[in-house]
N, C-alpha and C. Protein backbone atom coordinates (compact mmCIF):
# COMPACT_ATOMS: atom_id res chain seq x y z
N UNK A 1 -32.13 2.07 146.37
CA UNK A 1 -32.87 1.76 147.57
C UNK A 1 -33.72 2.96 148.02
N UNK A 2 -33.14 4.16 147.90
CA UNK A 2 -33.85 5.36 148.29
C UNK A 2 -35.07 5.57 147.38
N UNK A 3 -34.95 5.24 146.11
CA UNK A 3 -36.05 5.38 145.16
C UNK A 3 -37.20 4.45 145.56
N UNK A 4 -36.88 3.21 145.92
CA UNK A 4 -37.91 2.26 146.34
C UNK A 4 -38.60 2.74 147.61
N UNK A 5 -37.84 3.28 148.52
CA UNK A 5 -38.41 3.79 149.77
C UNK A 5 -39.36 4.96 149.47
N UNK A 6 -38.96 5.88 148.62
CA UNK A 6 -39.80 7.02 148.24
C UNK A 6 -41.07 6.55 147.52
N UNK A 7 -40.93 5.54 146.64
CA UNK A 7 -42.09 5.01 145.93
C UNK A 7 -43.06 4.35 146.92
N UNK A 8 -42.53 3.64 147.89
CA UNK A 8 -43.37 2.99 148.90
C UNK A 8 -44.12 4.04 149.71
N UNK A 9 -43.45 5.12 150.07
CA UNK A 9 -44.10 6.20 150.82
C UNK A 9 -45.21 6.83 149.98
N UNK A 10 -44.95 7.06 148.72
CA UNK A 10 -45.96 7.65 147.82
C UNK A 10 -47.16 6.72 147.69
N UNK A 11 -46.93 5.44 147.54
CA UNK A 11 -48.03 4.46 147.41
C UNK A 11 -48.86 4.44 148.69
N UNK A 12 -48.21 4.45 149.84
CA UNK A 12 -48.92 4.47 151.12
C UNK A 12 -49.78 5.73 151.22
N UNK A 13 -49.24 6.86 150.82
CA UNK A 13 -49.99 8.12 150.86
C UNK A 13 -51.19 8.06 149.91
N UNK A 14 -50.97 7.53 148.72
CA UNK A 14 -52.06 7.43 147.73
C UNK A 14 -53.19 6.55 148.27
N UNK A 15 -52.85 5.51 148.99
CA UNK A 15 -53.87 4.62 149.55
C UNK A 15 -54.48 5.22 150.82
N UNK A 16 -53.65 5.81 151.66
CA UNK A 16 -54.12 6.30 152.97
C UNK A 16 -55.02 7.53 152.87
N UNK A 17 -54.71 8.45 151.98
CA UNK A 17 -55.48 9.70 151.90
C UNK A 17 -56.96 9.42 151.63
N UNK A 18 -57.32 8.63 150.61
CA UNK A 18 -58.76 8.37 150.41
C UNK A 18 -59.40 7.62 151.58
N UNK A 19 -58.67 6.68 152.17
CA UNK A 19 -59.23 5.94 153.29
C UNK A 19 -59.46 6.83 154.50
N UNK A 20 -58.55 7.72 154.77
CA UNK A 20 -58.73 8.66 155.88
C UNK A 20 -59.83 9.66 155.54
N UNK A 21 -59.81 10.15 154.32
CA UNK A 21 -60.85 11.09 153.90
C UNK A 21 -62.25 10.49 153.98
N UNK A 22 -62.37 9.20 153.64
CA UNK A 22 -63.67 8.53 153.67
C UNK A 22 -64.23 8.47 155.09
N UNK A 23 -63.36 8.48 156.08
CA UNK A 23 -63.82 8.48 157.47
C UNK A 23 -64.64 9.73 157.78
N UNK A 24 -64.36 10.82 157.07
CA UNK A 24 -65.01 12.10 157.33
C UNK A 24 -66.03 12.47 156.24
N UNK A 25 -66.34 11.52 155.37
CA UNK A 25 -67.28 11.77 154.27
C UNK A 25 -68.64 11.16 154.61
N UNK A 26 -69.69 11.85 154.25
CA UNK A 26 -71.04 11.34 154.50
C UNK A 26 -71.22 9.96 153.87
N UNK A 27 -72.02 9.16 154.50
CA UNK A 27 -72.30 7.82 154.00
C UNK A 27 -73.74 7.72 153.45
N UNK A 28 -74.57 8.67 153.82
CA UNK A 28 -75.97 8.64 153.40
C UNK A 28 -76.23 9.67 152.32
N UNK A 29 -77.10 9.29 151.40
CA UNK A 29 -77.46 10.13 150.26
C UNK A 29 -78.97 10.19 150.18
N UNK A 30 -79.53 11.39 150.05
CA UNK A 30 -80.97 11.56 149.86
C UNK A 30 -81.18 12.45 148.65
N UNK A 31 -82.10 12.02 147.80
CA UNK A 31 -82.42 12.77 146.59
C UNK A 31 -83.94 12.80 146.45
N UNK A 32 -84.49 13.97 146.18
CA UNK A 32 -85.93 14.11 145.96
C UNK A 32 -86.16 15.04 144.78
N UNK A 33 -87.08 14.64 143.92
CA UNK A 33 -87.53 15.50 142.83
C UNK A 33 -89.05 15.52 142.86
N UNK A 34 -89.63 16.59 142.31
CA UNK A 34 -91.08 16.69 142.31
C UNK A 34 -91.56 17.33 141.02
N UNK A 35 -92.85 17.09 140.75
CA UNK A 35 -93.46 17.64 139.55
C UNK A 35 -94.95 17.82 139.82
N UNK A 36 -95.55 18.80 139.18
CA UNK A 36 -96.99 19.00 139.26
C UNK A 36 -97.62 18.40 138.01
N UNK A 37 -98.61 17.56 138.22
CA UNK A 37 -99.31 16.90 137.11
C UNK A 37 -100.73 17.44 137.08
N UNK A 38 -101.15 17.87 135.91
CA UNK A 38 -102.48 18.44 135.73
C UNK A 38 -103.52 17.34 135.57
N UNK A 39 -103.72 16.60 136.65
CA UNK A 39 -104.74 15.55 136.74
C UNK A 39 -105.17 15.48 138.21
N UNK A 40 -106.40 15.05 138.45
CA UNK A 40 -106.86 14.91 139.83
C UNK A 40 -106.00 13.91 140.62
N UNK A 41 -105.91 14.16 141.90
CA UNK A 41 -105.09 13.36 142.80
C UNK A 41 -105.37 11.85 142.67
N UNK A 42 -106.65 11.47 142.70
CA UNK A 42 -106.98 10.04 142.67
C UNK A 42 -106.52 9.37 141.38
N UNK A 43 -106.56 10.09 140.26
CA UNK A 43 -106.10 9.51 138.98
C UNK A 43 -104.59 9.28 139.00
N UNK A 44 -103.85 10.26 139.51
CA UNK A 44 -102.39 10.15 139.56
C UNK A 44 -102.00 9.01 140.50
N UNK A 45 -102.59 9.00 141.68
CA UNK A 45 -102.26 7.96 142.66
C UNK A 45 -102.65 6.58 142.15
N UNK A 46 -103.87 6.46 141.60
CA UNK A 46 -104.35 5.15 141.14
C UNK A 46 -103.48 4.56 140.04
N UNK A 47 -102.87 5.41 139.23
CA UNK A 47 -101.96 4.92 138.19
C UNK A 47 -100.60 4.56 138.78
N UNK A 48 -100.11 5.43 139.63
CA UNK A 48 -98.73 5.31 140.12
C UNK A 48 -98.57 4.22 141.17
N UNK A 49 -99.62 3.86 141.88
CA UNK A 49 -99.49 2.85 142.94
C UNK A 49 -99.13 1.47 142.38
N UNK A 50 -99.38 1.25 141.11
CA UNK A 50 -99.02 -0.03 140.50
C UNK A 50 -97.57 0.03 140.03
N UNK A 51 -96.75 -0.79 140.63
CA UNK A 51 -95.32 -0.80 140.33
C UNK A 51 -95.04 -1.17 138.87
N UNK A 52 -95.87 -2.00 138.29
CA UNK A 52 -95.68 -2.37 136.87
C UNK A 52 -95.77 -1.15 135.96
N UNK A 53 -96.52 -0.15 136.37
CA UNK A 53 -96.66 1.05 135.53
C UNK A 53 -95.35 1.83 135.44
N UNK A 54 -94.41 1.61 136.38
CA UNK A 54 -93.12 2.27 136.27
C UNK A 54 -92.40 1.87 134.98
N UNK A 55 -92.75 0.72 134.43
CA UNK A 55 -92.16 0.30 133.16
C UNK A 55 -92.44 1.30 132.05
N UNK A 56 -93.49 2.10 132.21
CA UNK A 56 -93.87 3.08 131.19
C UNK A 56 -93.24 4.45 131.39
N UNK A 57 -92.76 4.74 132.60
CA UNK A 57 -92.23 6.10 132.82
C UNK A 57 -90.85 6.16 133.46
N UNK A 58 -90.42 5.12 134.15
CA UNK A 58 -89.11 5.15 134.80
C UNK A 58 -87.99 5.15 133.76
N UNK A 59 -87.04 6.05 133.91
CA UNK A 59 -85.93 6.12 132.96
C UNK A 59 -85.18 4.79 132.90
N UNK A 60 -84.99 4.17 134.08
CA UNK A 60 -84.22 2.92 134.12
C UNK A 60 -84.94 1.79 133.39
N UNK A 61 -86.26 1.72 133.55
CA UNK A 61 -87.03 0.67 132.87
C UNK A 61 -87.00 0.88 131.36
N UNK A 62 -86.96 2.14 130.93
CA UNK A 62 -87.00 2.44 129.50
C UNK A 62 -85.62 2.31 128.83
N UNK A 63 -84.56 2.18 129.63
CA UNK A 63 -83.21 2.09 129.06
C UNK A 63 -82.97 0.76 128.34
N UNK A 64 -83.71 -0.28 128.72
CA UNK A 64 -83.53 -1.60 128.10
C UNK A 64 -84.89 -2.27 127.95
N UNK A 65 -85.55 -2.06 126.80
CA UNK A 65 -86.86 -2.68 126.60
C UNK A 65 -86.80 -4.21 126.55
N UNK A 66 -85.60 -4.78 126.41
CA UNK A 66 -85.46 -6.24 126.34
C UNK A 66 -85.08 -6.88 127.66
N UNK A 67 -85.04 -6.09 128.75
CA UNK A 67 -84.65 -6.67 130.03
C UNK A 67 -85.67 -7.72 130.47
N UNK A 68 -85.17 -8.70 131.22
CA UNK A 68 -86.05 -9.74 131.77
C UNK A 68 -86.73 -9.16 133.01
N UNK A 69 -88.05 -9.38 133.11
CA UNK A 69 -88.80 -8.88 134.26
C UNK A 69 -89.62 -10.01 134.86
N UNK A 70 -89.68 -10.01 136.17
CA UNK A 70 -90.51 -10.98 136.90
C UNK A 70 -91.24 -10.23 138.01
N UNK A 71 -92.42 -10.73 138.33
CA UNK A 71 -93.24 -10.10 139.35
C UNK A 71 -93.73 -11.16 140.34
N UNK A 72 -93.79 -10.77 141.63
CA UNK A 72 -94.32 -11.65 142.67
C UNK A 72 -95.30 -10.87 143.53
N UNK A 73 -96.43 -11.47 143.80
CA UNK A 73 -97.42 -10.84 144.66
C UNK A 73 -98.48 -10.11 143.85
N UNK A 74 -99.23 -9.28 144.55
CA UNK A 74 -100.32 -8.52 143.94
C UNK A 74 -99.87 -7.06 143.79
N UNK A 75 -99.82 -6.60 142.55
CA UNK A 75 -99.35 -5.24 142.29
C UNK A 75 -100.25 -4.23 142.99
N UNK A 76 -99.63 -3.18 143.51
CA UNK A 76 -100.35 -2.14 144.21
C UNK A 76 -100.58 -2.45 145.68
N UNK A 77 -100.02 -3.58 146.16
CA UNK A 77 -100.17 -3.96 147.56
C UNK A 77 -98.81 -4.19 148.20
N UNK A 78 -98.76 -4.02 149.51
CA UNK A 78 -97.52 -4.26 150.25
C UNK A 78 -97.04 -5.69 150.00
N UNK A 79 -95.75 -5.83 149.72
CA UNK A 79 -95.15 -7.14 149.46
C UNK A 79 -94.95 -7.44 147.99
N UNK A 80 -95.55 -6.64 147.11
CA UNK A 80 -95.36 -6.88 145.67
C UNK A 80 -93.91 -6.59 145.31
N UNK A 81 -93.31 -7.49 144.51
CA UNK A 81 -91.91 -7.35 144.10
C UNK A 81 -91.83 -7.38 142.58
N UNK A 82 -91.13 -6.40 142.03
CA UNK A 82 -90.82 -6.36 140.60
C UNK A 82 -89.31 -6.52 140.49
N UNK A 83 -88.86 -7.54 139.77
CA UNK A 83 -87.42 -7.75 139.60
C UNK A 83 -87.04 -7.59 138.14
N UNK A 84 -85.78 -7.29 137.91
CA UNK A 84 -85.29 -7.08 136.55
C UNK A 84 -83.88 -7.62 136.43
N UNK A 85 -83.53 -7.96 135.19
CA UNK A 85 -82.17 -8.35 134.86
C UNK A 85 -81.90 -7.87 133.44
N UNK A 86 -80.80 -7.13 133.28
CA UNK A 86 -80.48 -6.53 132.00
C UNK A 86 -79.01 -6.74 131.68
N UNK A 87 -78.72 -6.88 130.41
CA UNK A 87 -77.33 -6.94 129.97
C UNK A 87 -76.70 -5.55 129.94
N UNK A 88 -77.53 -4.52 129.97
CA UNK A 88 -77.05 -3.14 129.99
C UNK A 88 -76.48 -2.85 131.38
N UNK A 89 -75.18 -2.56 131.49
CA UNK A 89 -74.58 -2.33 132.81
C UNK A 89 -75.15 -1.12 133.55
N UNK A 90 -75.79 -0.19 132.84
CA UNK A 90 -76.41 0.95 133.50
C UNK A 90 -77.73 0.56 134.17
N UNK A 91 -78.27 -0.60 133.81
CA UNK A 91 -79.53 -1.08 134.38
C UNK A 91 -79.25 -2.22 135.37
N UNK A 92 -78.42 -3.18 134.98
CA UNK A 92 -78.02 -4.26 135.87
C UNK A 92 -79.15 -5.18 136.26
N UNK A 93 -79.11 -5.66 137.50
CA UNK A 93 -80.12 -6.57 138.01
C UNK A 93 -80.49 -6.16 139.42
N UNK A 94 -81.75 -6.37 139.76
CA UNK A 94 -82.21 -6.04 141.10
C UNK A 94 -83.70 -6.24 141.23
N UNK A 95 -84.23 -5.70 142.31
CA UNK A 95 -85.67 -5.80 142.54
C UNK A 95 -86.14 -4.64 143.39
N UNK A 96 -87.43 -4.35 143.24
CA UNK A 96 -88.07 -3.28 143.99
C UNK A 96 -89.30 -3.88 144.64
N UNK A 97 -89.47 -3.61 145.93
CA UNK A 97 -90.60 -4.16 146.68
C UNK A 97 -91.39 -3.04 147.34
N UNK A 98 -92.71 -3.15 147.31
CA UNK A 98 -93.56 -2.20 148.02
C UNK A 98 -93.51 -2.57 149.50
N UNK A 99 -92.96 -1.65 150.31
CA UNK A 99 -92.82 -1.90 151.75
C UNK A 99 -94.02 -1.42 152.56
N UNK A 100 -94.53 -0.25 152.21
CA UNK A 100 -95.68 0.28 152.95
C UNK A 100 -96.45 1.24 152.05
N UNK A 101 -97.72 1.37 152.37
CA UNK A 101 -98.61 2.26 151.62
C UNK A 101 -99.43 3.07 152.61
N UNK A 102 -99.36 4.38 152.46
CA UNK A 102 -100.28 5.28 153.15
C UNK A 102 -101.24 5.73 152.05
N UNK A 103 -102.37 5.10 152.00
CA UNK A 103 -103.31 5.23 150.89
C UNK A 103 -103.49 6.68 150.45
N UNK A 104 -103.19 6.91 149.18
CA UNK A 104 -103.36 8.22 148.58
C UNK A 104 -102.26 9.23 148.90
N UNK A 105 -101.34 8.88 149.83
CA UNK A 105 -100.34 9.85 150.26
C UNK A 105 -98.91 9.46 149.95
N UNK A 106 -98.56 8.20 150.23
CA UNK A 106 -97.15 7.82 150.12
C UNK A 106 -97.02 6.32 149.93
N UNK A 107 -96.02 5.94 149.12
CA UNK A 107 -95.66 4.53 148.93
C UNK A 107 -94.15 4.43 149.17
N UNK A 108 -93.76 3.49 150.04
CA UNK A 108 -92.34 3.27 150.33
C UNK A 108 -91.89 1.97 149.68
N UNK A 109 -90.67 2.01 149.13
CA UNK A 109 -90.12 0.87 148.40
C UNK A 109 -88.76 0.47 148.96
N UNK A 110 -88.46 -0.80 148.88
CA UNK A 110 -87.10 -1.29 149.08
C UNK A 110 -86.49 -1.45 147.70
N UNK A 111 -85.28 -0.98 147.53
CA UNK A 111 -84.54 -1.16 146.28
C UNK A 111 -83.35 -2.06 146.59
N UNK A 112 -83.31 -3.21 145.94
CA UNK A 112 -82.20 -4.13 146.14
C UNK A 112 -81.51 -4.33 144.80
N UNK A 113 -80.27 -3.85 144.74
CA UNK A 113 -79.48 -3.99 143.51
C UNK A 113 -78.52 -5.17 143.69
N UNK A 114 -78.42 -6.00 142.66
CA UNK A 114 -77.53 -7.15 142.69
C UNK A 114 -76.34 -6.98 141.74
N UNK A 115 -76.57 -6.35 140.60
CA UNK A 115 -75.53 -6.10 139.60
C UNK A 115 -75.74 -4.70 139.03
N UNK A 116 -74.74 -3.96 138.71
CA UNK A 116 -73.31 -4.27 138.71
C UNK A 116 -72.68 -4.15 140.10
N UNK A 117 -73.46 -3.76 141.12
CA UNK A 117 -72.97 -3.70 142.50
C UNK A 117 -74.12 -4.08 143.41
N UNK A 118 -73.82 -4.47 144.62
CA UNK A 118 -74.86 -4.82 145.58
C UNK A 118 -75.17 -3.63 146.47
N UNK A 119 -76.46 -3.42 146.68
CA UNK A 119 -76.89 -2.30 147.51
C UNK A 119 -78.32 -2.54 147.95
N UNK A 120 -78.63 -2.08 149.15
CA UNK A 120 -80.00 -2.11 149.67
C UNK A 120 -80.36 -0.70 150.08
N UNK A 121 -81.30 -0.10 149.37
CA UNK A 121 -81.67 1.28 149.63
C UNK A 121 -83.18 1.41 149.70
N UNK A 122 -83.65 2.61 149.93
CA UNK A 122 -85.07 2.90 150.03
C UNK A 122 -85.45 3.98 149.04
N UNK A 123 -86.69 3.93 148.60
CA UNK A 123 -87.25 4.96 147.73
C UNK A 123 -88.69 5.20 148.15
N UNK A 124 -89.26 6.29 147.67
CA UNK A 124 -90.66 6.58 147.99
C UNK A 124 -91.26 7.46 146.91
N UNK A 125 -92.58 7.45 146.88
CA UNK A 125 -93.34 8.40 146.09
C UNK A 125 -94.40 8.99 147.01
N UNK A 126 -94.55 10.33 146.93
CA UNK A 126 -95.55 11.02 147.73
C UNK A 126 -96.49 11.78 146.79
N UNK A 127 -97.74 11.91 147.24
CA UNK A 127 -98.77 12.52 146.42
C UNK A 127 -99.52 13.56 147.25
N UNK A 128 -99.66 14.76 146.68
CA UNK A 128 -100.32 15.84 147.39
C UNK A 128 -101.25 16.56 146.42
N UNK A 129 -102.50 16.68 146.82
CA UNK A 129 -103.47 17.39 146.00
C UNK A 129 -103.23 18.89 146.12
N UNK A 130 -102.98 19.54 144.99
CA UNK A 130 -102.79 21.00 144.99
C UNK A 130 -104.16 21.68 144.88
N UNK A 131 -104.95 21.18 143.97
CA UNK A 131 -106.34 21.61 143.82
C UNK A 131 -107.10 20.47 143.16
N UNK A 132 -108.29 20.72 142.74
CA UNK A 132 -109.15 19.69 142.18
C UNK A 132 -108.54 18.96 140.98
N UNK A 133 -107.71 19.66 140.20
CA UNK A 133 -107.17 19.08 138.97
C UNK A 133 -105.65 19.07 138.89
N UNK A 134 -104.98 19.24 140.00
CA UNK A 134 -103.51 19.22 140.00
C UNK A 134 -103.01 18.42 141.19
N UNK A 135 -101.96 17.64 140.91
CA UNK A 135 -101.36 16.80 141.94
C UNK A 135 -99.85 16.99 141.92
N UNK A 136 -99.28 17.19 143.10
CA UNK A 136 -97.84 17.26 143.26
C UNK A 136 -97.34 15.84 143.56
N UNK A 137 -96.34 15.38 142.78
CA UNK A 137 -95.75 14.06 143.01
C UNK A 137 -94.28 14.26 143.35
N UNK A 138 -93.86 13.64 144.44
CA UNK A 138 -92.45 13.64 144.84
C UNK A 138 -91.92 12.22 144.73
N UNK A 139 -90.73 12.10 144.13
CA UNK A 139 -90.07 10.80 144.01
C UNK A 139 -88.74 10.95 144.72
N UNK A 140 -88.49 10.11 145.70
CA UNK A 140 -87.29 10.26 146.49
C UNK A 140 -86.52 8.96 146.69
N UNK A 141 -85.29 9.13 147.08
CA UNK A 141 -84.35 8.02 147.25
C UNK A 141 -83.49 8.29 148.48
N UNK A 142 -83.32 7.27 149.30
CA UNK A 142 -82.42 7.35 150.45
C UNK A 142 -81.45 6.19 150.34
N UNK A 143 -80.18 6.50 150.10
CA UNK A 143 -79.17 5.47 149.91
C UNK A 143 -78.08 5.55 150.96
N UNK A 144 -77.32 4.51 151.03
CA UNK A 144 -76.21 4.42 151.99
C UNK A 144 -75.02 3.80 151.28
N UNK A 145 -73.87 4.44 151.44
CA UNK A 145 -72.62 3.90 150.91
C UNK A 145 -71.69 3.68 152.09
N UNK A 146 -71.41 2.44 152.40
CA UNK A 146 -70.57 2.10 153.54
C UNK A 146 -69.12 2.50 153.29
N UNK A 147 -68.40 2.69 154.39
CA UNK A 147 -66.96 2.95 154.33
C UNK A 147 -66.27 1.74 153.76
N UNK A 148 -65.33 1.83 152.87
CA UNK A 148 -64.70 3.01 152.30
C UNK A 148 -65.30 3.42 150.96
N UNK A 149 -66.38 2.72 150.54
CA UNK A 149 -66.99 3.03 149.24
C UNK A 149 -67.55 4.45 149.21
N UNK A 150 -67.86 5.02 150.38
CA UNK A 150 -68.39 6.38 150.41
C UNK A 150 -67.40 7.41 149.86
N UNK A 151 -66.13 7.04 149.75
CA UNK A 151 -65.14 7.95 149.14
C UNK A 151 -65.50 8.24 147.68
N UNK A 152 -66.27 7.34 147.05
CA UNK A 152 -66.70 7.57 145.66
C UNK A 152 -67.61 8.78 145.55
N UNK A 153 -68.22 9.18 146.66
CA UNK A 153 -69.10 10.35 146.63
C UNK A 153 -68.34 11.63 146.31
N UNK A 154 -67.00 11.60 146.44
CA UNK A 154 -66.19 12.77 146.06
C UNK A 154 -66.27 13.02 144.56
N UNK A 155 -66.41 11.95 143.79
CA UNK A 155 -66.39 12.08 142.34
C UNK A 155 -67.75 11.79 141.69
N UNK A 156 -68.67 11.22 142.46
CA UNK A 156 -70.01 10.90 141.93
C UNK A 156 -71.00 11.90 142.50
N UNK A 157 -71.68 12.62 141.64
CA UNK A 157 -72.71 13.55 142.08
C UNK A 157 -74.05 12.81 142.07
N UNK A 158 -74.32 12.11 143.18
CA UNK A 158 -75.55 11.31 143.26
C UNK A 158 -76.79 12.18 143.14
N UNK A 159 -76.73 13.39 143.68
CA UNK A 159 -77.86 14.30 143.59
C UNK A 159 -78.23 14.53 142.11
N UNK A 160 -77.23 14.76 141.29
CA UNK A 160 -77.49 14.99 139.87
C UNK A 160 -77.82 13.68 139.15
N UNK A 161 -77.02 12.63 139.41
CA UNK A 161 -77.23 11.37 138.68
C UNK A 161 -78.62 10.80 138.94
N UNK A 162 -78.95 10.58 140.20
CA UNK A 162 -80.25 10.00 140.54
C UNK A 162 -81.35 11.03 140.32
N UNK A 163 -81.10 12.26 140.72
CA UNK A 163 -82.10 13.30 140.59
C UNK A 163 -82.52 13.55 139.15
N UNK A 164 -81.57 13.58 138.24
CA UNK A 164 -81.90 13.78 136.83
C UNK A 164 -82.74 12.62 136.30
N UNK A 165 -82.42 11.40 136.73
CA UNK A 165 -83.20 10.24 136.30
C UNK A 165 -84.62 10.29 136.88
N UNK A 166 -84.76 10.70 138.13
CA UNK A 166 -86.09 10.87 138.72
C UNK A 166 -86.87 11.93 137.96
N UNK A 167 -86.20 13.04 137.63
CA UNK A 167 -86.89 14.12 136.93
C UNK A 167 -87.38 13.64 135.57
N UNK A 168 -86.54 12.88 134.86
CA UNK A 168 -86.96 12.32 133.57
C UNK A 168 -88.18 11.42 133.76
N UNK A 169 -88.14 10.57 134.78
CA UNK A 169 -89.27 9.68 135.05
C UNK A 169 -90.53 10.46 135.39
N UNK A 170 -90.40 11.49 136.19
CA UNK A 170 -91.57 12.30 136.54
C UNK A 170 -92.14 13.03 135.32
N UNK A 171 -91.26 13.51 134.45
CA UNK A 171 -91.74 14.17 133.23
C UNK A 171 -92.44 13.16 132.32
N UNK A 172 -91.92 11.94 132.25
CA UNK A 172 -92.58 10.88 131.48
C UNK A 172 -93.96 10.58 132.07
N UNK A 173 -94.03 10.48 133.41
CA UNK A 173 -95.30 10.23 134.09
C UNK A 173 -96.30 11.33 133.79
N UNK A 174 -95.85 12.56 133.87
CA UNK A 174 -96.71 13.72 133.57
C UNK A 174 -97.26 13.63 132.14
N UNK A 175 -96.38 13.32 131.17
CA UNK A 175 -96.81 13.20 129.78
C UNK A 175 -97.85 12.10 129.61
N UNK A 176 -97.64 10.97 130.25
CA UNK A 176 -98.59 9.84 130.14
C UNK A 176 -99.94 10.24 130.71
N UNK A 177 -99.95 10.79 131.91
CA UNK A 177 -101.20 11.08 132.60
C UNK A 177 -101.95 12.27 132.02
N UNK A 178 -101.23 13.24 131.50
CA UNK A 178 -101.91 14.40 130.94
C UNK A 178 -102.44 14.16 129.54
N UNK A 179 -102.02 13.08 128.89
CA UNK A 179 -102.56 12.72 127.57
C UNK A 179 -103.98 12.18 127.70
N UNK A 180 -104.26 11.50 128.82
CA UNK A 180 -105.58 10.87 129.01
C UNK A 180 -106.65 11.87 129.37
């Protein structure tokens, strides 16, 4: 009987510690990466504003060339939606929508993931002219993990996971644009 009581106490502690810890853990995650592209601002922006072009440089789009893709609306305009569905669990299913555009400066996106988990987050791209032939591009993500799922942030380095993928995408974008 004493063994069962001790096991029950241990199980309660194992369950309670992460739940209590999650109360004091951040729920919001922000990640930003940037790169300088040796092309004029208007060329970089004019290419990047089209969401379909992410298929050529985004790490996630390149992970499964056989994923199903659907598009709604007019690309490069507010309200355009690009959706995907992949058998690759690292890609999953979801959609990205252009929420707002500050012409030549910033594009805001809604990211809605359906599989392998559900999530509604935000992303953006910013563009800054450094000089006549160089453009700084920032790609950022703002996510939220509700309690108690935010306890996963103890073991998941979102800054590295998402940031490294953004950096790969930005390097791909740089390679594409600097070839032309």
